[in-house]
Amino acid sequence: MQKLYVVLSLALLLVVAIFALANNTNVPVNFPGFQTWRTSVAILILISFTAGVVLMGLFDLGRQVKSWKNAKVLQKQLRSAEEERDLLKNRVAELIEQAAATAAKSDTSES
């Protein structure tokens, strides 16, 4: 799945780059609080695309941190469950030995 994500990302980057290079005319850029300046549409497209990638990466990072925390909690629960399982296995083995010893005593006393 990770490889597919990388391939699709690279394909999208290629499409955006081709589109940006095909639209290389200069346009005025008006941003409130700043002076008007002229730049290529290609630069604007690439800046916008990069900003979008960075923002989505930050949002995904938050999701990843939650997933890592959840994984740690689950690992701790798993270790606890495995320890309990081992204790129960040992207890079952002890009970089987006791039952076998009791059965052996009753067999020898009946004889």
N, C-alpha and C. Protein backbone atom coordinates (compact mmCIF):
# COMPACT_ATOMS: atom_id res chain seq x y z
N MET A 1 0.83 -1.19 0.00
CA MET A 1 0.00 0.00 0.00
C MET A 1 0.88 1.26 0.00
N GLN A 2 1.98 1.19 0.74
CA GLN A 2 2.90 2.34 0.82
C GLN A 2 3.48 2.65 -0.55
N LYS A 3 3.83 1.60 -1.30
CA LYS A 3 4.40 1.82 -2.64
C LYS A 3 3.38 2.48 -3.56
N LEU A 4 2.12 2.06 -3.46
CA LEU A 4 1.07 2.66 -4.28
C LEU A 4 0.92 4.14 -3.94
N TYR A 5 1.00 4.48 -2.66
CA TYR A 5 0.91 5.86 -2.23
C TYR A 5 2.04 6.69 -2.82
N VAL A 6 3.24 6.16 -2.81
CA VAL A 6 4.39 6.88 -3.36
C VAL A 6 4.23 7.05 -4.87
N VAL A 7 3.81 6.01 -5.56
CA VAL A 7 3.65 6.09 -7.02
C VAL A 7 2.58 7.11 -7.38
N LEU A 8 1.44 7.08 -6.68
CA LEU A 8 0.38 8.05 -6.96
C LEU A 8 0.83 9.48 -6.64
N SER A 9 1.59 9.66 -5.59
CA SER A 9 2.10 10.99 -5.23
C SER A 9 3.03 11.52 -6.31
N LEU A 10 3.92 10.66 -6.79
CA LEU A 10 4.84 11.08 -7.85
C LEU A 10 4.10 11.38 -9.15
N ALA A 11 3.07 10.60 -9.45
CA ALA A 11 2.27 10.85 -10.65
C ALA A 11 1.56 12.21 -10.53
N LEU A 12 1.00 12.50 -9.36
CA LEU A 12 0.33 13.78 -9.15
C LEU A 12 1.33 14.92 -9.26
N LEU A 13 2.51 14.74 -8.69
CA LEU A 13 3.55 15.77 -8.79
C LEU A 13 3.93 16.02 -10.24
N LEU A 14 4.05 14.97 -11.02
CA LEU A 14 4.38 15.11 -12.44
C LEU A 14 3.29 15.87 -13.19
N VAL A 15 2.03 15.55 -12.92
CA VAL A 15 0.91 16.24 -13.57
C VAL A 15 0.91 17.72 -13.21
N VAL A 16 1.12 18.03 -11.92
CA VAL A 16 1.15 19.42 -11.48
C VAL A 16 2.32 20.16 -12.13
N ALA A 17 3.47 19.53 -12.19
CA ALA A 17 4.65 20.17 -12.80
C ALA A 17 4.40 20.45 -14.28
N ILE A 18 3.84 19.50 -15.00
CA ILE A 18 3.55 19.69 -16.43
C ILE A 18 2.55 20.83 -16.61
N PHE A 19 1.50 20.83 -15.78
CA PHE A 19 0.48 21.88 -15.85
C PHE A 19 1.11 23.24 -15.55
N ALA A 20 1.95 23.29 -14.53
CA ALA A 20 2.58 24.55 -14.16
C ALA A 20 3.48 25.07 -15.27
N LEU A 21 4.26 24.19 -15.86
CA LEU A 21 5.16 24.62 -16.93
C LEU A 21 4.41 25.02 -18.20
N ALA A 22 3.24 24.43 -18.43
CA ALA A 22 2.44 24.79 -19.59
C ALA A 22 1.79 26.17 -19.41
N ASN A 23 1.66 26.62 -18.16
CA ASN A 23 1.03 27.91 -17.86
C ASN A 23 2.07 28.82 -17.21
N ASN A 24 2.97 29.33 -18.02
CA ASN A 24 4.07 30.10 -17.46
C ASN A 24 3.96 31.60 -17.69
N THR A 25 2.78 32.11 -17.92
CA THR A 25 2.62 33.56 -18.11
C THR A 25 2.74 34.28 -16.77
N ASN A 26 3.15 35.53 -16.82
CA ASN A 26 3.26 36.34 -15.61
C ASN A 26 1.90 36.93 -15.25
N VAL A 27 1.59 36.90 -13.97
CA VAL A 27 0.33 37.45 -13.47
C VAL A 27 0.62 38.31 -12.25
N PRO A 28 -0.25 39.32 -12.01
CA PRO A 28 -0.07 40.11 -10.79
C PRO A 28 -0.62 39.34 -9.59
N VAL A 29 0.09 39.45 -8.47
CA VAL A 29 -0.36 38.77 -7.25
C VAL A 29 -0.66 39.84 -6.21
N ASN A 30 -1.90 39.86 -5.76
CA ASN A 30 -2.34 40.81 -4.73
C ASN A 30 -2.62 40.03 -3.46
N PHE A 31 -1.85 40.34 -2.43
CA PHE A 31 -2.06 39.69 -1.14
C PHE A 31 -2.25 40.80 -0.12
N PRO A 32 -3.36 40.76 0.65
CA PRO A 32 -3.64 41.84 1.59
C PRO A 32 -2.46 42.11 2.53
N GLY A 33 -2.10 43.38 2.63
CA GLY A 33 -1.01 43.78 3.51
C GLY A 33 0.35 43.76 2.83
N PHE A 34 0.41 43.31 1.60
CA PHE A 34 1.68 43.24 0.88
C PHE A 34 1.57 44.01 -0.43
N GLN A 35 2.69 44.35 -0.98
CA GLN A 35 2.73 45.05 -2.25
C GLN A 35 2.36 44.08 -3.37
N THR A 36 1.71 44.60 -4.42
CA THR A 36 1.38 43.77 -5.59
C THR A 36 2.68 43.42 -6.32
N TRP A 37 2.82 42.19 -6.71
CA TRP A 37 4.00 41.76 -7.44
C TRP A 37 3.59 40.81 -8.55
N ARG A 38 4.44 40.69 -9.53
CA ARG A 38 4.15 39.83 -10.69
C ARG A 38 5.06 38.60 -10.63
N THR A 39 4.47 37.49 -10.93
CA THR A 39 5.24 36.24 -10.98
C THR A 39 4.58 35.28 -11.96
N SER A 40 5.27 34.24 -12.25
CA SER A 40 4.78 33.23 -13.19
C SER A 40 3.69 32.38 -12.53
N VAL A 41 2.71 32.02 -13.33
CA VAL A 41 1.65 31.13 -12.84
C VAL A 41 2.27 29.80 -12.39
N ALA A 42 3.31 29.37 -13.06
CA ALA A 42 3.97 28.11 -12.70
C ALA A 42 4.49 28.17 -11.26
N ILE A 43 5.10 29.31 -10.90
CA ILE A 43 5.61 29.47 -9.54
C ILE A 43 4.46 29.43 -8.54
N LEU A 44 3.37 30.13 -8.85
CA LEU A 44 2.21 30.13 -7.95
C LEU A 44 1.63 28.72 -7.77
N ILE A 45 1.55 28.00 -8.86
CA ILE A 45 1.00 26.63 -8.79
C ILE A 45 1.91 25.75 -7.94
N LEU A 46 3.20 25.83 -8.17
CA LEU A 46 4.14 25.00 -7.40
C LEU A 46 4.16 25.39 -5.93
N ILE A 47 4.08 26.69 -5.62
CA ILE A 47 4.03 27.13 -4.23
C ILE A 47 2.75 26.64 -3.56
N SER A 48 1.63 26.77 -4.25
CA SER A 48 0.35 26.31 -3.71
C SER A 48 0.35 24.81 -3.48
N PHE A 49 0.89 24.09 -4.44
CA PHE A 49 0.95 22.63 -4.31
C PHE A 49 1.83 22.23 -3.13
N THR A 50 2.99 22.88 -3.01
CA THR A 50 3.90 22.57 -1.91
C THR A 50 3.26 22.90 -0.56
N ALA A 51 2.58 24.04 -0.47
CA ALA A 51 1.91 24.42 0.77
C ALA A 51 0.83 23.38 1.13
N GLY A 52 0.10 22.92 0.14
CA GLY A 52 -0.92 21.90 0.38
C GLY A 52 -0.32 20.60 0.88
N VAL A 53 0.79 20.20 0.27
CA VAL A 53 1.47 18.97 0.70
C VAL A 53 1.96 19.09 2.13
N VAL A 54 2.54 20.24 2.46
CA VAL A 54 3.06 20.44 3.82
C VAL A 54 1.91 20.43 4.83
N LEU A 55 0.83 21.14 4.54
CA LEU A 55 -0.32 21.17 5.46
C LEU A 55 -0.92 19.78 5.66
N MET A 56 -1.08 19.05 4.58
CA MET A 56 -1.65 17.70 4.70
C MET A 56 -0.69 16.79 5.47
N GLY A 57 0.60 17.00 5.29
CA GLY A 57 1.58 16.23 6.06
C GLY A 57 1.46 16.52 7.55
N LEU A 58 1.23 17.79 7.90
CA LEU A 58 1.06 18.15 9.31
C LEU A 58 -0.20 17.52 9.89
N PHE A 59 -1.29 17.55 9.13
CA PHE A 59 -2.53 16.91 9.59
C PHE A 59 -2.32 15.41 9.75
N ASP A 60 -1.62 14.81 8.81
CA ASP A 60 -1.37 13.37 8.89
C ASP A 60 -0.45 13.04 10.06
N LEU A 61 0.47 13.94 10.38
CA LEU A 61 1.37 13.72 11.50
C LEU A 61 0.57 13.62 12.80
N GLY A 62 -0.43 14.45 12.96
CA GLY A 62 -1.29 14.37 14.13
C GLY A 62 -1.99 13.02 14.23
N ARG A 63 -2.47 12.53 13.11
CA ARG A 63 -3.12 11.22 13.09
C ARG A 63 -2.13 10.12 13.41
N GLN A 64 -0.92 10.26 12.88
CA GLN A 64 0.12 9.26 13.14
C GLN A 64 0.49 9.20 14.62
N VAL A 65 0.59 10.38 15.26
CA VAL A 65 0.93 10.42 16.68
C VAL A 65 -0.15 9.70 17.49
N LYS A 66 -1.42 9.94 17.15
CA LYS A 66 -2.51 9.24 17.83
C LYS A 66 -2.40 7.73 17.62
N SER A 67 -2.07 7.33 16.41
CA SER A 67 -1.93 5.91 16.12
C SER A 67 -0.77 5.29 16.91
N TRP A 68 0.34 6.02 17.01
CA TRP A 68 1.50 5.51 17.78
C TRP A 68 1.15 5.36 19.25
N LYS A 69 0.44 6.35 19.80
CA LYS A 69 0.03 6.27 21.21
C LYS A 69 -0.90 5.08 21.42
N ASN A 70 -1.84 4.91 20.51
CA ASN A 70 -2.78 3.79 20.60
C ASN A 70 -2.04 2.46 20.49
N ALA A 71 -1.04 2.40 19.62
CA ALA A 71 -0.25 1.17 19.46
C ALA A 71 0.51 0.84 20.74
N LYS A 72 1.03 1.87 21.42
CA LYS A 72 1.74 1.63 22.68
C LYS A 72 0.79 1.06 23.73
N VAL A 73 -0.41 1.62 23.82
CA VAL A 73 -1.40 1.12 24.78
C VAL A 73 -1.75 -0.33 24.46
N LEU A 74 -1.96 -0.61 23.18
CA LEU A 74 -2.31 -1.97 22.78
C LEU A 74 -1.17 -2.95 23.04
N GLN A 75 0.08 -2.52 22.83
CA GLN A 75 1.24 -3.37 23.11
C GLN A 75 1.29 -3.70 24.60
N LYS A 76 1.02 -2.71 25.43
CA LYS A 76 1.03 -2.92 26.88
C LYS A 76 -0.07 -3.91 27.27
N GLN A 77 -1.25 -3.76 26.69
CA GLN A 77 -2.35 -4.68 26.98
C GLN A 77 -2.01 -6.09 26.51
N LEU A 78 -1.35 -6.19 25.36
CA LEU A 78 -0.96 -7.49 24.83
C LEU A 78 0.04 -8.17 25.76
N ARG A 79 1.04 -7.43 26.22
CA ARG A 79 2.02 -8.01 27.15
C ARG A 79 1.35 -8.50 28.42
N SER A 80 0.42 -7.70 28.92
CA SER A 80 -0.30 -8.08 30.13
C SER A 80 -1.12 -9.35 29.91
N ALA A 81 -1.79 -9.42 28.77
CA ALA A 81 -2.59 -10.61 28.45
C ALA A 81 -1.69 -11.84 28.26
N GLU A 82 -0.52 -11.66 27.66
CA GLU A 82 0.39 -12.78 27.48
C GLU A 82 0.93 -13.28 28.83
N GLU A 83 1.22 -12.34 29.74
CA GLU A 83 1.68 -12.74 31.07
C GLU A 83 0.59 -13.51 31.81
N GLU A 84 -0.65 -13.02 31.69
CA GLU A 84 -1.77 -13.71 32.34
C GLU A 84 -1.97 -15.10 31.73
N ARG A 85 -1.83 -15.21 30.42
CA ARG A 85 -1.95 -16.50 29.75
C ARG A 85 -0.90 -17.48 30.26
N ASP A 86 0.34 -17.00 30.40
CA ASP A 86 1.42 -17.86 30.89
C ASP A 86 1.15 -18.33 32.31
N LEU A 87 0.65 -17.42 33.15
CA LEU A 87 0.31 -17.80 34.53
C LEU A 87 -0.80 -18.86 34.54
N LEU A 88 -1.78 -18.67 33.68
CA LEU A 88 -2.89 -19.63 33.62
C LEU A 88 -2.42 -20.99 33.09
N LYS A 89 -1.52 -20.98 32.12
CA LYS A 89 -0.96 -22.24 31.60
C LYS A 89 -0.24 -22.99 32.71
N ASN A 90 0.57 -22.25 33.48
CA ASN A 90 1.29 -22.88 34.59
C ASN A 90 0.31 -23.44 35.63
N ARG A 91 -0.75 -22.68 35.92
CA ARG A 91 -1.74 -23.15 36.90
C ARG A 91 -2.45 -24.41 36.39
N VAL A 92 -2.78 -24.45 35.12
CA VAL A 92 -3.43 -25.63 34.53
C VAL A 92 -2.49 -26.83 34.63
N ALA A 93 -1.20 -26.62 34.35
CA ALA A 93 -0.23 -27.72 34.44
C ALA A 93 -0.14 -28.23 35.87
N GLU A 94 -0.16 -27.30 36.85
CA GLU A 94 -0.13 -27.72 38.26
C GLU A 94 -1.37 -28.54 38.62
N LEU A 95 -2.53 -28.07 38.16
CA LEU A 95 -3.77 -28.79 38.46
C LEU A 95 -3.79 -30.17 37.82
N ILE A 96 -3.25 -30.27 36.62
CA ILE A 96 -3.18 -31.58 35.95
C ILE A 96 -2.27 -32.51 36.74
N GLU A 97 -1.13 -31.98 37.22
CA GLU A 97 -0.22 -32.80 38.03
C GLU A 97 -0.88 -33.23 39.33
N GLN A 98 -1.62 -32.32 39.96
CA GLN A 98 -2.32 -32.67 41.20
C GLN A 98 -3.38 -33.73 40.95
N ALA A 99 -4.11 -33.57 39.84
CA ALA A 99 -5.14 -34.56 39.51
C ALA A 99 -4.51 -35.91 39.23
N ALA A 100 -3.38 -35.93 38.55
CA ALA A 100 -2.70 -37.19 38.25
C ALA A 100 -2.19 -37.82 39.53
N ALA A 101 -1.65 -37.00 40.44
CA ALA A 101 -1.16 -37.53 41.72
C ALA A 101 -2.31 -38.07 42.55
N THR A 102 -3.43 -37.37 42.56
CA THR A 102 -4.60 -37.83 43.31
C THR A 102 -5.13 -39.13 42.71
N ALA A 103 -5.16 -39.21 41.39
CA ALA A 103 -5.62 -40.43 40.73
C ALA A 103 -4.68 -41.59 41.03
N ALA A 104 -3.38 -41.31 41.06
CA ALA A 104 -2.40 -42.37 41.33
C ALA A 104 -2.56 -42.86 42.77
N LYS A 105 -2.82 -41.95 43.72
CA LYS A 105 -3.03 -42.34 45.12
C LYS A 105 -4.27 -43.19 45.25
N SER A 106 -5.35 -42.79 44.56
CA SER A 106 -6.58 -43.57 44.69
C SER A 106 -6.44 -44.92 44.03
N ASP A 107 -5.64 -45.05 42.97
CA ASP A 107 -5.40 -46.33 42.32
C ASP A 107 -4.60 -47.25 43.25
N THR A 108 -3.58 -46.69 43.94
CA THR A 108 -2.76 -47.52 44.81
C THR A 108 -3.53 -47.89 46.09
N SER A 109 -4.42 -47.05 46.57
CA SER A 109 -5.18 -47.39 47.77
C SER A 109 -6.27 -48.38 47.48
N GLU A 110 -6.79 -48.45 46.26
CA GLU A 110 -7.81 -49.42 45.87
C GLU A 110 -7.20 -50.80 45.66
N SER A 111 -5.94 -50.86 45.33
CA SER A 111 -5.31 -52.15 45.06
C SER A 111 -5.05 -52.93 46.26
